[in-house]
Amino acid sequence: MSGAVQAGYAPPTRPDQPAPGRRWLRWLVAATLAWAVLLAGLTWWSVRHDPPTVKEQRSLDQAGPVVDRALGRLTAAVGRDGVPALLPDRIERGCRVTPLDDGAELERGVEVVLAGDDVRQLLQRVADRLPPDWRAGVSTYDGEPLLRADAGEFVAVEGRAGGPGRVLLTVATGCRPVGAGYRAPAADAVAETAEAQRAARRWGGAAGPVQVLAASCPGGGTARTARIETAGGPAGSPLAAAFRDAADGSLVLRDSADEYALRGSFAVLAERVDDRVRVAVSTTCRA
């Protein structure tokens, strides 16, 4: 039989030779695997050596300390222009980090009572005392003054009016992966707790448990607030009566039957709501 190949026909592939299509498929699979290995290696290196470029790269437990430090710095920035008190943290779950991943948002805040009603002036003073790299500024939003700042690592700071003669300063993470979760800083608030309980005893009503809140100070130490709610005595009776000792040599910013604010060795805030009085006794960070 002649070995000539008939025109119009491809020579047959021997059993020991892969078809051209199979060779291409093998090269494609090998190149894909190599790319996947390279991408995984670059990702591993980036996670361990590169700073985060989006907030989704920092979980809630990693962002929490940034929030705590920012809150402490805000208490220092208030100075003696107001009476600050830390608020309980708020965690909102169920937000979407990506279309496939759930997350959570942490927000912490501090309420501030002013001597007068000039909210913009206080917000501007706070903004002026914050670090330059926070790029803090006060603008107007919906006719109201609004402080905005960046505490770093995608943690946002805002300040706005919280009612007549009040300012609310907040620090928020935005939606993040939960990670190990947020753990609030603990603090020994013996003196603040004792002062809050002493005020409750002077009103003579049954007091609820004391809630202690804390935030890290820029120069070390912690800001602390002890909160308690108790019966407030007869309607119209002055709240200041429970704090006469603490008021010695201190600056009283508010003094009425329904509200009392003192800045001295402690920052004291008391307000009457119906037949109850809410008391917050705080030690703040130093500027």
Protein backbone atom coordinates (compact mmCIF):
# COMPACT_ATOMS: atom_id res chain seq x y z
CA MET A 1 0.00 0.00 0.00
CA SER A 2 1.45 3.36 -1.00
CA GLY A 3 2.38 5.82 1.79
CA ALA A 4 1.15 8.80 -0.20
CA VAL A 5 -1.53 10.93 1.36
CA GLN A 6 -4.62 11.51 -0.68
CA ALA A 7 -5.24 15.17 -1.41
CA GLY A 8 -8.01 16.75 0.70
CA TYR A 9 -7.52 14.54 3.76
CA ALA A 10 -5.56 15.31 6.96
CA PRO A 11 -3.09 12.67 8.01
CA PRO A 12 -4.38 10.54 10.86
CA THR A 13 -3.10 11.18 14.43
CA ARG A 14 -1.18 8.29 15.92
CA PRO A 15 -2.38 6.95 19.30
CA ASP A 16 0.74 8.27 21.04
CA GLN A 17 0.22 11.83 19.77
CA PRO A 18 -2.39 14.14 21.47
CA ALA A 19 -4.80 15.91 19.23
CA PRO A 20 -4.05 19.64 18.67
CA GLY A 21 -7.27 20.62 20.49
CA ARG A 22 -6.27 18.63 23.56
CA ARG A 23 -2.82 20.23 23.65
CA TRP A 24 -4.45 23.69 23.66
CA LEU A 25 -6.83 22.66 26.46
CA ARG A 26 -3.92 21.44 28.59
CA TRP A 27 -2.05 24.71 28.10
CA LEU A 28 -5.20 26.67 29.03
CA VAL A 29 -5.74 24.65 32.24
CA ALA A 30 -2.06 25.02 33.21
CA ALA A 31 -2.12 28.79 32.60
CA THR A 32 -5.34 29.17 34.64
CA LEU A 33 -3.88 27.24 37.57
CA ALA A 34 -0.69 29.29 37.45
CA TRP A 35 -2.69 32.54 37.47
CA ALA A 36 -4.80 31.33 40.39
CA VAL A 37 -1.67 30.48 42.40
CA LEU A 38 -0.12 33.86 41.60
CA LEU A 39 -3.32 35.72 42.53
CA ALA A 40 -3.60 33.83 45.82
CA GLY A 41 0.00 34.66 46.64
CA LEU A 42 -0.46 38.36 45.89
CA THR A 43 -3.64 38.42 47.99
CA TRP A 44 -1.84 36.78 50.92
CA TRP A 45 0.97 39.33 50.70
CA SER A 46 -1.43 42.28 50.39
CA VAL A 47 -3.53 41.28 53.40
CA ARG A 48 -0.43 41.05 55.60
CA HIS A 49 1.60 43.99 54.34
CA ASP A 50 -0.59 46.57 52.57
CA PRO A 51 -2.82 49.10 54.39
CA PRO A 52 -6.58 48.67 53.84
CA THR A 53 -7.95 50.49 50.82
CA VAL A 54 -11.67 49.93 51.56
CA LYS A 55 -13.51 49.51 54.83
CA GLU A 56 -14.58 45.99 53.83
CA GLN A 57 -10.96 44.94 54.51
CA ARG A 58 -11.25 45.83 58.22
CA SER A 59 -13.60 43.79 60.38
CA LEU A 60 -15.66 45.18 63.26
CA ASP A 61 -13.24 43.91 65.91
CA GLN A 62 -10.37 45.65 64.07
CA ALA A 63 -12.23 48.94 63.62
CA GLY A 64 -13.60 49.00 67.19
CA PRO A 65 -10.42 50.34 68.86
CA VAL A 66 -10.26 53.14 66.28
CA VAL A 67 -13.81 54.13 67.24
CA ASP A 68 -13.00 54.00 70.96
CA ARG A 69 -9.93 56.22 70.59
CA ALA A 70 -11.84 58.70 68.42
CA LEU A 71 -14.60 58.94 71.02
CA GLY A 72 -12.11 59.63 73.79
CA ARG A 73 -10.50 62.36 71.69
CA LEU A 74 -13.90 63.96 71.17
CA THR A 75 -14.47 64.20 74.93
CA ALA A 76 -11.13 65.99 75.21
CA ALA A 77 -12.02 68.34 72.34
CA VAL A 78 -15.20 69.45 74.13
CA GLY A 79 -13.05 70.89 76.92
CA ARG A 80 -14.91 73.08 79.40
CA ASP A 81 -17.27 74.38 76.73
CA GLY A 82 -19.82 71.68 77.55
CA VAL A 83 -20.70 68.72 79.75
CA PRO A 84 -20.11 65.45 77.87
CA ALA A 85 -21.41 61.99 78.71
CA LEU A 86 -20.71 58.77 76.84
CA LEU A 87 -23.70 56.97 75.31
CA PRO A 88 -24.20 53.21 75.01
CA ASP A 89 -22.80 51.74 71.81
CA ARG A 90 -25.18 50.70 69.03
CA ILE A 91 -24.54 47.79 66.66
CA GLU A 92 -26.75 47.42 63.60
CA ARG A 93 -26.59 43.96 62.05
CA GLY A 94 -27.81 42.72 58.68
CA CYS A 95 -26.20 45.29 56.38
CA ARG A 96 -24.53 44.05 53.20
CA VAL A 97 -20.74 44.18 52.94
CA THR A 98 -20.99 42.61 49.47
CA PRO A 99 -23.98 41.20 47.58
CA LEU A 100 -23.16 37.84 49.19
CA ASP A 101 -21.87 38.79 52.66
CA ASP A 102 -23.71 40.19 55.69
CA GLY A 103 -22.03 42.66 58.02
CA ALA A 104 -22.63 45.01 60.94
CA GLU A 105 -22.13 48.69 61.75
CA LEU A 106 -20.85 50.05 65.05
CA GLU A 107 -21.75 53.54 66.25
CA ARG A 108 -20.65 55.16 69.48
CA GLY A 109 -21.56 58.61 70.68
CA VAL A 110 -21.19 61.31 73.31
CA GLU A 111 -23.92 63.78 74.22
CA VAL A 112 -22.88 67.29 75.19
CA VAL A 113 -24.90 69.91 77.07
CA LEU A 114 -23.98 73.56 76.45
CA ALA A 115 -24.26 76.62 78.63
CA GLY A 116 -26.30 78.33 75.91
CA ASP A 117 -27.84 77.36 72.60
CA ASP A 118 -25.00 78.13 70.14
CA VAL A 119 -24.50 74.66 68.69
CA ARG A 120 -22.42 75.88 65.75
CA GLN A 121 -19.91 77.60 68.00
CA LEU A 122 -19.33 74.44 70.04
CA LEU A 123 -19.02 72.28 66.91
CA GLN A 124 -16.47 74.71 65.46
CA ARG A 125 -14.42 74.68 68.65
CA VAL A 126 -14.43 70.90 68.69
CA ALA A 127 -13.39 70.79 65.03
CA ASP A 128 -10.53 73.24 65.70
CA ARG A 129 -9.20 71.01 68.50
CA LEU A 130 -9.18 67.77 66.52
CA PRO A 131 -5.98 66.51 64.80
CA PRO A 132 -5.22 68.17 61.43
CA ASP A 133 -5.23 64.83 59.61
CA TRP A 134 -8.89 64.36 60.61
CA ARG A 135 -9.73 67.22 58.22
CA ALA A 136 -12.56 68.32 60.52
CA GLY A 137 -14.90 71.06 59.36
CA VAL A 138 -18.34 72.48 60.06
CA SER A 139 -20.81 73.05 57.25
CA THR A 140 -24.57 73.52 56.99
CA TYR A 141 -26.91 70.67 56.16
CA ASP A 142 -30.69 71.16 55.96
CA GLY A 143 -30.23 74.51 57.64
CA GLU A 144 -28.40 73.02 60.65
CA PRO A 145 -24.67 73.02 61.48
CA LEU A 146 -22.91 69.72 60.81
CA LEU A 147 -19.41 68.68 61.84
CA ARG A 148 -17.69 66.05 59.72
CA ALA A 149 -14.27 64.48 60.22
CA ASP A 150 -12.29 61.36 59.28
CA ALA A 151 -10.74 59.50 62.22
CA GLY A 152 -8.77 57.22 59.89
CA GLU A 153 -9.26 53.65 58.67
CA PHE A 154 -12.63 54.60 57.20
CA VAL A 155 -14.13 55.63 60.56
CA ALA A 156 -16.43 58.66 60.19
CA VAL A 157 -17.08 61.35 62.80
CA GLU A 158 -20.15 63.59 62.81
CA GLY A 159 -21.53 66.23 65.13
CA ARG A 160 -24.96 67.84 65.03
CA ALA A 161 -27.61 69.41 67.23
CA GLY A 162 -29.22 66.92 69.62
CA GLY A 163 -31.96 69.25 70.86
CA PRO A 164 -32.02 72.72 72.45
CA GLY A 165 -28.62 73.41 73.96
CA ARG A 166 -27.36 69.92 73.11
CA VAL A 167 -24.88 68.41 70.67
CA LEU A 168 -24.56 64.79 69.63
CA LEU A 169 -21.11 63.63 68.50
CA THR A 170 -20.96 60.20 66.85
CA VAL A 171 -18.25 57.87 65.54
CA ALA A 172 -19.30 55.14 63.09
CA THR A 173 -17.59 52.34 61.17
CA GLY A 174 -20.03 51.89 58.30
CA CYS A 175 -20.89 48.32 57.28
CA ARG A 176 -18.04 45.89 58.07
CA PRO A 177 -17.45 42.16 58.29
CA VAL A 178 -18.22 41.14 61.88
CA GLY A 179 -15.01 39.17 62.43
CA ALA A 180 -14.61 38.38 66.12
CA GLY A 181 -17.18 41.08 66.96
CA TYR A 182 -16.88 44.33 68.90
CA ARG A 183 -15.89 44.28 72.54
CA ALA A 184 -16.39 47.55 74.41
CA PRO A 185 -13.47 48.70 76.58
CA ALA A 186 -13.80 48.04 80.30
CA ALA A 187 -12.96 50.60 82.97
CA ASP A 188 -12.75 50.94 86.72
CA ALA A 189 -15.30 53.72 87.36
CA VAL A 190 -15.52 53.44 91.15
CA ALA A 191 -15.55 57.19 91.83
CA GLU A 192 -18.04 57.97 89.06
CA THR A 193 -20.34 55.14 90.16
CA ALA A 194 -20.21 56.28 93.80
CA GLU A 195 -21.13 59.85 92.83
CA ALA A 196 -24.07 58.66 90.69
CA GLN A 197 -25.35 56.38 93.47
CA ARG A 198 -24.95 59.14 96.07
CA ALA A 199 -27.17 61.43 93.99
CA ALA A 200 -29.76 58.68 93.64
CA ARG A 201 -29.84 58.14 97.40
CA ARG A 202 -30.40 61.85 98.02
CA TRP A 203 -33.56 61.74 95.96
CA GLY A 204 -34.70 58.82 98.09
CA GLY A 205 -36.05 56.68 95.25
CA ALA A 206 -35.25 53.17 94.12
CA ALA A 207 -32.38 53.31 91.64
CA GLY A 208 -31.68 50.96 88.80
CA PRO A 209 -28.31 49.36 88.06
CA VAL A 210 -25.31 51.51 87.13
CA GLN A 211 -24.10 51.25 83.54
CA VAL A 212 -20.40 52.02 83.03
CA LEU A 213 -19.14 53.13 79.61
CA ALA A 214 -15.54 53.82 78.60
CA ALA A 215 -13.41 55.14 75.75
CA SER A 216 -9.64 55.27 75.27
CA CYS A 217 -7.85 58.61 75.78
CA PRO A 218 -5.22 59.81 73.26
CA GLY A 219 -2.54 60.20 75.94
CA GLY A 220 -3.42 57.04 77.83
CA GLY A 221 -6.09 56.25 80.39
CA THR A 222 -9.81 56.16 79.74
CA ALA A 223 -12.83 58.41 79.63
CA ARG A 224 -15.57 56.98 81.86
CA THR A 225 -19.29 57.55 82.32
CA ALA A 226 -21.47 56.00 85.02
CA ARG A 227 -25.20 56.13 84.19
CA ILE A 228 -28.09 55.47 86.53
CA GLU A 229 -31.84 56.10 86.47
CA THR A 230 -33.83 56.75 89.63
CA ALA A 231 -36.96 58.34 91.04
CA GLY A 232 -36.43 62.10 91.11
CA GLY A 233 -38.44 63.30 94.07
CA PRO A 234 -41.38 65.72 93.83
CA ALA A 235 -41.98 67.40 90.47
CA GLY A 236 -40.44 70.85 90.38
CA SER A 237 -37.82 70.12 93.05
CA PRO A 238 -34.36 71.31 91.91
CA LEU A 239 -32.01 68.63 90.68
CA ALA A 240 -29.03 70.60 91.95
CA ALA A 241 -29.81 69.63 95.55
CA ALA A 242 -28.28 66.20 94.98
CA PHE A 243 -25.01 67.72 93.78
CA ARG A 244 -24.33 70.58 96.20
CA ASP A 245 -21.05 69.03 97.40
CA ALA A 246 -19.85 68.35 93.86
CA ALA A 247 -20.73 71.88 92.75
CA ASP A 248 -18.26 73.50 95.14
CA GLY A 249 -15.81 75.49 93.00
CA SER A 250 -17.16 74.02 89.76
CA LEU A 251 -18.75 75.45 86.63
CA VAL A 252 -22.52 75.01 86.50
CA LEU A 253 -23.79 75.19 82.90
CA ARG A 254 -27.48 74.35 83.49
CA ASP A 255 -29.56 74.51 86.66
CA SER A 256 -33.33 74.02 86.54
CA ALA A 257 -36.00 71.69 87.84
CA ASP A 258 -35.61 69.47 84.78
CA GLU A 259 -31.94 69.75 83.87
CA TYR A 260 -28.63 70.12 85.67
CA ALA A 261 -25.16 70.20 84.09
CA LEU A 262 -21.93 70.65 86.01
CA ARG A 263 -18.28 70.71 84.94
CA GLY A 264 -15.88 70.19 87.84
CA SER A 265 -13.87 67.25 89.15
CA PHE A 266 -16.59 65.26 87.37
CA ALA A 267 -18.80 66.15 84.45
CA VAL A 268 -22.32 65.71 85.81
CA LEU A 269 -25.49 65.63 83.75
CA ALA A 270 -28.96 65.05 85.22
CA GLU A 271 -32.32 65.39 83.49
CA ARG A 272 -35.86 64.72 84.62
CA VAL A 273 -38.03 62.61 82.32
CA ASP A 274 -41.58 62.21 83.67
CA ASP A 275 -41.13 60.99 87.25
CA ARG A 276 -37.61 59.64 86.73
CA VAL A 277 -34.19 61.26 86.66
CA ARG A 278 -31.35 60.08 84.47
CA VAL A 279 -27.89 60.80 85.83
CA ALA A 280 -24.54 60.55 84.05
CA VAL A 281 -21.30 61.17 85.93
CA SER A 282 -18.19 61.29 83.73
CA THR A 283 -14.45 61.69 83.76
CA THR A 284 -13.26 62.86 80.35
CA CYS A 285 -9.95 62.77 78.49
CA ARG A 286 -7.61 65.74 78.80
CA ALA A 287 -6.81 67.85 75.77
